[in-house]
Amino acid sequence: VLGGIGAAITIAGMALLVWARQALGRNWSQTVSAKQEHELVRSGPYSRLRHPMYTGGLLASIGSVIVVGGPFVFLLILLGAIFIWRVGAEDRLLARQFPDEFPEYARRTNALIPFVW
């Protein structure tokens, strides 16, 4: 039963990650950087979360830890720390790139965890 729950969480996380990546389109970058003609994406999963790719990645990782367990808990903690750092870095970049739009967007969305943060 626990394995099935973990698998479902992993699938949901991967689905969110893919949906968020598609919504970003040409704005996606592996590094924390602005692209030429960068846009503030506020549609799809970005209408509720500022960083849904990270949320999806964390969900997929949590699901995997539930299925596999053991030493992967350390990797989940490390991944979470990296995502928290990147959330701050990306929010600062977006605030500089979109000084008129980002503050309102940040007020009405959560960074990573719906209804929490």
N, C-alpha and C. Protein backbone atom coordinates (compact mmCIF):
# COMPACT_ATOMS: atom_id res chain seq x y z
N VAL A 1 0.83 -1.19 0.00
CA VAL A 1 0.00 0.00 0.00
C VAL A 1 0.88 1.26 0.00
N LEU A 2 1.88 1.28 0.88
CA LEU A 2 2.76 2.44 0.96
C LEU A 2 3.50 2.67 -0.36
N GLY A 3 3.90 1.58 -1.00
CA GLY A 3 4.58 1.70 -2.29
C GLY A 3 3.68 2.32 -3.34
N GLY A 4 2.40 1.95 -3.32
CA GLY A 4 1.44 2.52 -4.27
C GLY A 4 1.23 4.01 -4.03
N ILE A 5 1.17 4.39 -2.76
CA ILE A 5 1.02 5.82 -2.42
C ILE A 5 2.25 6.59 -2.89
N GLY A 6 3.42 6.03 -2.62
CA GLY A 6 4.66 6.68 -3.06
C GLY A 6 4.73 6.82 -4.57
N ALA A 7 4.31 5.77 -5.28
CA ALA A 7 4.31 5.82 -6.74
C ALA A 7 3.35 6.88 -7.25
N ALA A 8 2.18 6.98 -6.63
CA ALA A 8 1.19 7.99 -7.04
C ALA A 8 1.73 9.40 -6.81
N ILE A 9 2.40 9.62 -5.68
CA ILE A 9 2.99 10.93 -5.39
C ILE A 9 4.09 11.25 -6.41
N THR A 10 4.90 10.25 -6.75
CA THR A 10 5.96 10.45 -7.74
C THR A 10 5.37 10.83 -9.09
N ILE A 11 4.34 10.12 -9.52
CA ILE A 11 3.70 10.41 -10.81
C ILE A 11 3.09 11.80 -10.80
N ALA A 12 2.42 12.17 -9.71
CA ALA A 12 1.82 13.51 -9.62
C ALA A 12 2.90 14.59 -9.68
N GLY A 13 4.00 14.36 -8.98
CA GLY A 13 5.10 15.32 -9.01
C GLY A 13 5.71 15.48 -10.39
N MET A 14 5.91 14.36 -11.07
CA MET A 14 6.47 14.42 -12.42
C MET A 14 5.50 15.11 -13.38
N ALA A 15 4.21 14.85 -13.23
CA ALA A 15 3.21 15.50 -14.08
C ALA A 15 3.23 17.02 -13.87
N LEU A 16 3.31 17.46 -12.61
CA LEU A 16 3.39 18.89 -12.32
C LEU A 16 4.66 19.49 -12.91
N LEU A 17 5.77 18.79 -12.77
CA LEU A 17 7.04 19.27 -13.30
C LEU A 17 6.96 19.45 -14.82
N VAL A 18 6.42 18.48 -15.52
CA VAL A 18 6.30 18.56 -16.98
C VAL A 18 5.35 19.68 -17.39
N TRP A 19 4.22 19.79 -16.71
CA TRP A 19 3.24 20.85 -17.01
C TRP A 19 3.89 22.23 -16.81
N ALA A 20 4.62 22.39 -15.72
CA ALA A 20 5.27 23.67 -15.43
C ALA A 20 6.33 23.98 -16.47
N ARG A 21 7.10 22.98 -16.86
CA ARG A 21 8.14 23.18 -17.88
C ARG A 21 7.52 23.61 -19.20
N GLN A 22 6.41 22.98 -19.58
CA GLN A 22 5.72 23.35 -20.82
C GLN A 22 5.17 24.77 -20.74
N ALA A 23 4.65 25.14 -19.58
CA ALA A 23 4.09 26.49 -19.41
C ALA A 23 5.19 27.55 -19.53
N LEU A 24 6.40 27.24 -19.08
CA LEU A 24 7.50 28.20 -19.18
C LEU A 24 7.94 28.44 -20.61
N GLY A 25 7.85 27.41 -21.44
CA GLY A 25 8.24 27.56 -22.83
C GLY A 25 9.67 28.04 -22.97
N ARG A 26 9.86 29.08 -23.79
CA ARG A 26 11.21 29.59 -24.08
C ARG A 26 11.83 30.34 -22.91
N ASN A 27 11.08 30.57 -21.85
CA ASN A 27 11.61 31.26 -20.67
C ASN A 27 12.43 30.36 -19.76
N TRP A 28 12.39 29.04 -20.00
CA TRP A 28 13.08 28.10 -19.13
C TRP A 28 14.60 28.21 -19.31
N SER A 29 15.31 28.05 -18.21
CA SER A 29 16.77 28.05 -18.22
C SER A 29 17.27 27.15 -17.10
N GLN A 30 18.38 26.46 -17.34
CA GLN A 30 18.96 25.62 -16.29
C GLN A 30 19.58 26.46 -15.18
N THR A 31 20.00 27.65 -15.53
CA THR A 31 20.65 28.52 -14.55
C THR A 31 19.68 29.62 -14.12
N VAL A 32 19.98 30.25 -13.02
CA VAL A 32 19.18 31.38 -12.56
C VAL A 32 19.63 32.59 -13.36
N SER A 33 18.94 32.82 -14.48
CA SER A 33 19.31 33.93 -15.36
C SER A 33 18.09 34.36 -16.17
N ALA A 34 18.12 35.61 -16.59
CA ALA A 34 17.05 36.13 -17.44
C ALA A 34 17.45 35.97 -18.89
N LYS A 35 16.49 35.64 -19.72
CA LYS A 35 16.75 35.53 -21.15
C LYS A 35 16.32 36.81 -21.83
N GLN A 36 16.80 36.99 -23.04
CA GLN A 36 16.35 38.14 -23.83
C GLN A 36 14.85 37.98 -24.07
N GLU A 37 14.12 39.05 -23.94
CA GLU A 37 12.66 39.04 -24.08
C GLU A 37 11.99 38.11 -23.07
N HIS A 38 12.58 38.01 -21.90
CA HIS A 38 12.05 37.18 -20.82
C HIS A 38 10.66 37.68 -20.42
N GLU A 39 9.75 36.77 -20.16
CA GLU A 39 8.39 37.11 -19.75
C GLU A 39 8.13 36.55 -18.36
N LEU A 40 7.27 37.21 -17.61
CA LEU A 40 6.83 36.70 -16.31
C LEU A 40 5.63 35.80 -16.58
N VAL A 41 5.84 34.50 -16.49
CA VAL A 41 4.78 33.53 -16.77
C VAL A 41 3.87 33.44 -15.56
N ARG A 42 2.57 33.63 -15.80
CA ARG A 42 1.58 33.60 -14.72
C ARG A 42 0.40 32.71 -15.05
N SER A 43 0.57 31.84 -16.03
CA SER A 43 -0.53 30.96 -16.45
C SER A 43 -0.21 29.52 -16.06
N GLY A 44 -1.21 28.65 -16.21
CA GLY A 44 -1.02 27.25 -15.86
C GLY A 44 -0.69 27.11 -14.38
N PRO A 45 0.28 26.26 -14.05
CA PRO A 45 0.61 26.08 -12.63
C PRO A 45 1.21 27.33 -12.00
N TYR A 46 1.71 28.24 -12.84
CA TYR A 46 2.29 29.49 -12.33
C TYR A 46 1.23 30.47 -11.86
N SER A 47 -0.03 30.14 -12.08
CA SER A 47 -1.10 31.00 -11.55
C SER A 47 -1.26 30.82 -10.04
N ARG A 48 -0.75 29.72 -9.51
CA ARG A 48 -0.86 29.42 -8.07
C ARG A 48 0.49 29.39 -7.36
N LEU A 49 1.51 28.93 -8.07
CA LEU A 49 2.85 28.76 -7.49
C LEU A 49 3.88 29.49 -8.34
N ARG A 50 4.86 30.10 -7.70
CA ARG A 50 5.92 30.76 -8.45
C ARG A 50 6.97 29.77 -8.96
N HIS A 51 7.09 28.64 -8.31
CA HIS A 51 8.13 27.67 -8.68
C HIS A 51 7.57 26.24 -8.73
N PRO A 52 6.57 26.00 -9.58
CA PRO A 52 5.94 24.68 -9.60
C PRO A 52 6.85 23.55 -10.09
N MET A 53 7.90 23.87 -10.86
CA MET A 53 8.82 22.81 -11.25
C MET A 53 9.53 22.24 -10.02
N TYR A 54 9.90 23.11 -9.10
CA TYR A 54 10.54 22.65 -7.87
C TYR A 54 9.55 21.88 -7.01
N THR A 55 8.32 22.34 -6.95
CA THR A 55 7.29 21.62 -6.20
C THR A 55 7.11 20.22 -6.77
N GLY A 56 7.03 20.13 -8.09
CA GLY A 56 6.90 18.83 -8.74
C GLY A 56 8.10 17.94 -8.47
N GLY A 57 9.29 18.51 -8.54
CA GLY A 57 10.50 17.74 -8.26
C GLY A 57 10.55 17.23 -6.83
N LEU A 58 10.13 18.08 -5.90
CA LEU A 58 10.09 17.64 -4.49
C LEU A 58 9.05 16.55 -4.28
N LEU A 59 7.87 16.72 -4.89
CA LEU A 59 6.84 15.67 -4.77
C LEU A 59 7.35 14.35 -5.33
N ALA A 60 7.96 14.39 -6.51
CA ALA A 60 8.49 13.17 -7.11
C ALA A 60 9.55 12.54 -6.21
N SER A 61 10.38 13.36 -5.61
CA SER A 61 11.42 12.86 -4.71
C SER A 61 10.82 12.27 -3.44
N ILE A 62 9.82 12.94 -2.88
CA ILE A 62 9.15 12.42 -1.68
C ILE A 62 8.51 11.07 -1.99
N GLY A 63 7.84 10.98 -3.12
CA GLY A 63 7.24 9.71 -3.52
C GLY A 63 8.27 8.61 -3.67
N SER A 64 9.40 8.95 -4.27
CA SER A 64 10.48 7.96 -4.44
C SER A 64 11.05 7.51 -3.11
N VAL A 65 11.19 8.45 -2.17
CA VAL A 65 11.69 8.09 -0.84
C VAL A 65 10.70 7.16 -0.14
N ILE A 66 9.41 7.40 -0.32
CA ILE A 66 8.40 6.52 0.28
C ILE A 66 8.53 5.11 -0.29
N VAL A 67 8.77 5.01 -1.60
CA VAL A 67 8.90 3.70 -2.24
C VAL A 67 10.21 3.03 -1.85
N VAL A 68 11.32 3.75 -1.95
CA VAL A 68 12.64 3.16 -1.76
C VAL A 68 13.13 3.27 -0.32
N GLY A 69 12.92 4.46 0.29
CA GLY A 69 13.31 4.68 1.68
C GLY A 69 14.81 4.77 1.88
N GLY A 70 15.21 4.56 3.10
CA GLY A 70 16.61 4.48 3.47
C GLY A 70 17.45 5.69 3.16
N PRO A 71 18.58 5.47 2.50
CA PRO A 71 19.56 6.54 2.29
C PRO A 71 19.07 7.67 1.39
N PHE A 72 18.00 7.45 0.69
CA PHE A 72 17.48 8.49 -0.20
C PHE A 72 16.88 9.67 0.57
N VAL A 73 16.64 9.49 1.85
CA VAL A 73 16.14 10.59 2.68
C VAL A 73 17.16 11.73 2.69
N PHE A 74 18.45 11.40 2.77
CA PHE A 74 19.49 12.42 2.74
C PHE A 74 19.44 13.21 1.44
N LEU A 75 19.26 12.52 0.32
CA LEU A 75 19.19 13.19 -0.97
C LEU A 75 17.99 14.12 -1.05
N LEU A 76 16.88 13.72 -0.44
CA LEU A 76 15.68 14.56 -0.41
C LEU A 76 15.96 15.85 0.37
N ILE A 77 16.63 15.73 1.49
CA ILE A 77 16.97 16.91 2.29
C ILE A 77 17.90 17.84 1.50
N LEU A 78 18.88 17.27 0.84
CA LEU A 78 19.81 18.06 0.02
C LEU A 78 19.07 18.75 -1.12
N LEU A 79 18.21 18.03 -1.80
CA LEU A 79 17.43 18.60 -2.90
C LEU A 79 16.55 19.74 -2.40
N GLY A 80 15.91 19.54 -1.26
CA GLY A 80 15.07 20.59 -0.68
C GLY A 80 15.87 21.84 -0.38
N ALA A 81 17.07 21.69 0.16
CA ALA A 81 17.92 22.85 0.46
C ALA A 81 18.31 23.59 -0.82
N ILE A 82 18.65 22.84 -1.85
CA ILE A 82 19.00 23.47 -3.13
C ILE A 82 17.80 24.23 -3.70
N PHE A 83 16.63 23.63 -3.66
CA PHE A 83 15.43 24.28 -4.18
C PHE A 83 15.11 25.55 -3.40
N ILE A 84 15.25 25.51 -2.09
CA ILE A 84 14.97 26.71 -1.28
C ILE A 84 15.94 27.83 -1.65
N TRP A 85 17.21 27.51 -1.85
CA TRP A 85 18.18 28.51 -2.28
C TRP A 85 17.79 29.08 -3.64
N ARG A 86 17.42 28.21 -4.58
CA ARG A 86 17.08 28.67 -5.94
C ARG A 86 15.80 29.49 -5.94
N VAL A 87 14.84 29.15 -5.10
CA VAL A 87 13.61 29.95 -5.00
C VAL A 87 13.97 31.39 -4.66
N GLY A 88 14.82 31.58 -3.66
CA GLY A 88 15.23 32.93 -3.28
C GLY A 88 15.97 33.64 -4.40
N ALA A 89 16.90 32.94 -5.04
CA ALA A 89 17.67 33.54 -6.13
C ALA A 89 16.77 33.91 -7.30
N GLU A 90 15.85 33.04 -7.66
CA GLU A 90 14.94 33.33 -8.77
C GLU A 90 13.97 34.45 -8.43
N ASP A 91 13.47 34.47 -7.21
CA ASP A 91 12.57 35.56 -6.81
C ASP A 91 13.29 36.91 -6.87
N ARG A 92 14.54 36.95 -6.44
CA ARG A 92 15.30 38.21 -6.52
C ARG A 92 15.51 38.64 -7.97
N LEU A 93 15.83 37.69 -8.83
CA LEU A 93 16.01 37.99 -10.25
C LEU A 93 14.71 38.51 -10.87
N LEU A 94 13.61 37.83 -10.59
CA LEU A 94 12.32 38.25 -11.14
C LEU A 94 11.91 39.62 -10.61
N ALA A 95 12.21 39.90 -9.36
CA ALA A 95 11.89 41.22 -8.79
C ALA A 95 12.67 42.32 -9.51
N ARG A 96 13.92 42.03 -9.89
CA ARG A 96 14.71 43.01 -10.65
C ARG A 96 14.22 43.14 -12.09
N GLN A 97 13.89 42.02 -12.70
CA GLN A 97 13.47 42.01 -14.11
C GLN A 97 12.08 42.62 -14.30
N PHE A 98 11.20 42.41 -13.33
CA PHE A 98 9.81 42.84 -13.45
C PHE A 98 9.40 43.64 -12.21
N PRO A 99 10.00 44.81 -12.01
CA PRO A 99 9.74 45.58 -10.78
C PRO A 99 8.28 46.03 -10.64
N ASP A 100 7.57 46.16 -11.73
CA ASP A 100 6.17 46.60 -11.66
C ASP A 100 5.20 45.43 -11.47
N GLU A 101 5.54 44.26 -12.03
CA GLU A 101 4.62 43.12 -12.02
C GLU A 101 4.88 42.11 -10.90
N PHE A 102 6.15 41.88 -10.59
CA PHE A 102 6.48 40.79 -9.68
C PHE A 102 5.95 40.96 -8.26
N PRO A 103 6.01 42.15 -7.66
CA PRO A 103 5.51 42.26 -6.28
C PRO A 103 4.06 41.80 -6.12
N GLU A 104 3.20 42.17 -7.03
CA GLU A 104 1.79 41.74 -6.95
C GLU A 104 1.68 40.23 -7.18
N TYR A 105 2.42 39.72 -8.15
CA TYR A 105 2.42 38.28 -8.43
C TYR A 105 2.90 37.51 -7.19
N ALA A 106 3.96 37.99 -6.55
CA ALA A 106 4.49 37.33 -5.36
C ALA A 106 3.49 37.37 -4.21
N ARG A 107 2.72 38.45 -4.11
CA ARG A 107 1.72 38.55 -3.03
C ARG A 107 0.58 37.55 -3.20
N ARG A 108 0.20 37.27 -4.43
CA ARG A 108 -0.97 36.41 -4.64
C ARG A 108 -0.64 34.94 -4.91
N THR A 109 0.64 34.60 -4.92
CA THR A 109 1.04 33.21 -5.14
C THR A 109 1.94 32.74 -4.00
N ASN A 110 2.02 31.43 -3.86
CA ASN A 110 2.98 30.83 -2.92
C ASN A 110 4.23 30.47 -3.70
N ALA A 111 5.35 30.45 -3.02
CA ALA A 111 6.62 30.15 -3.69
C ALA A 111 6.70 28.67 -4.08
N LEU A 112 6.46 27.78 -3.15
CA LEU A 112 6.76 26.37 -3.37
C LEU A 112 5.66 25.43 -2.89
N ILE A 113 5.07 25.74 -1.75
CA ILE A 113 4.09 24.84 -1.14
C ILE A 113 2.75 25.55 -1.07
N PRO A 114 1.74 25.04 -1.79
CA PRO A 114 0.43 25.71 -1.79
C PRO A 114 -0.11 25.95 -0.38
N PHE A 115 -0.60 27.16 -0.16
CA PHE A 115 -1.23 27.59 1.09
C PHE A 115 -0.26 27.69 2.27
N VAL A 116 1.04 27.43 2.06
CA VAL A 116 2.01 27.45 3.15
C VAL A 116 3.12 28.45 2.87
N TRP A 117 3.88 28.24 1.78
CA TRP A 117 5.02 29.10 1.45
C TRP A 117 5.24 29.17 -0.03
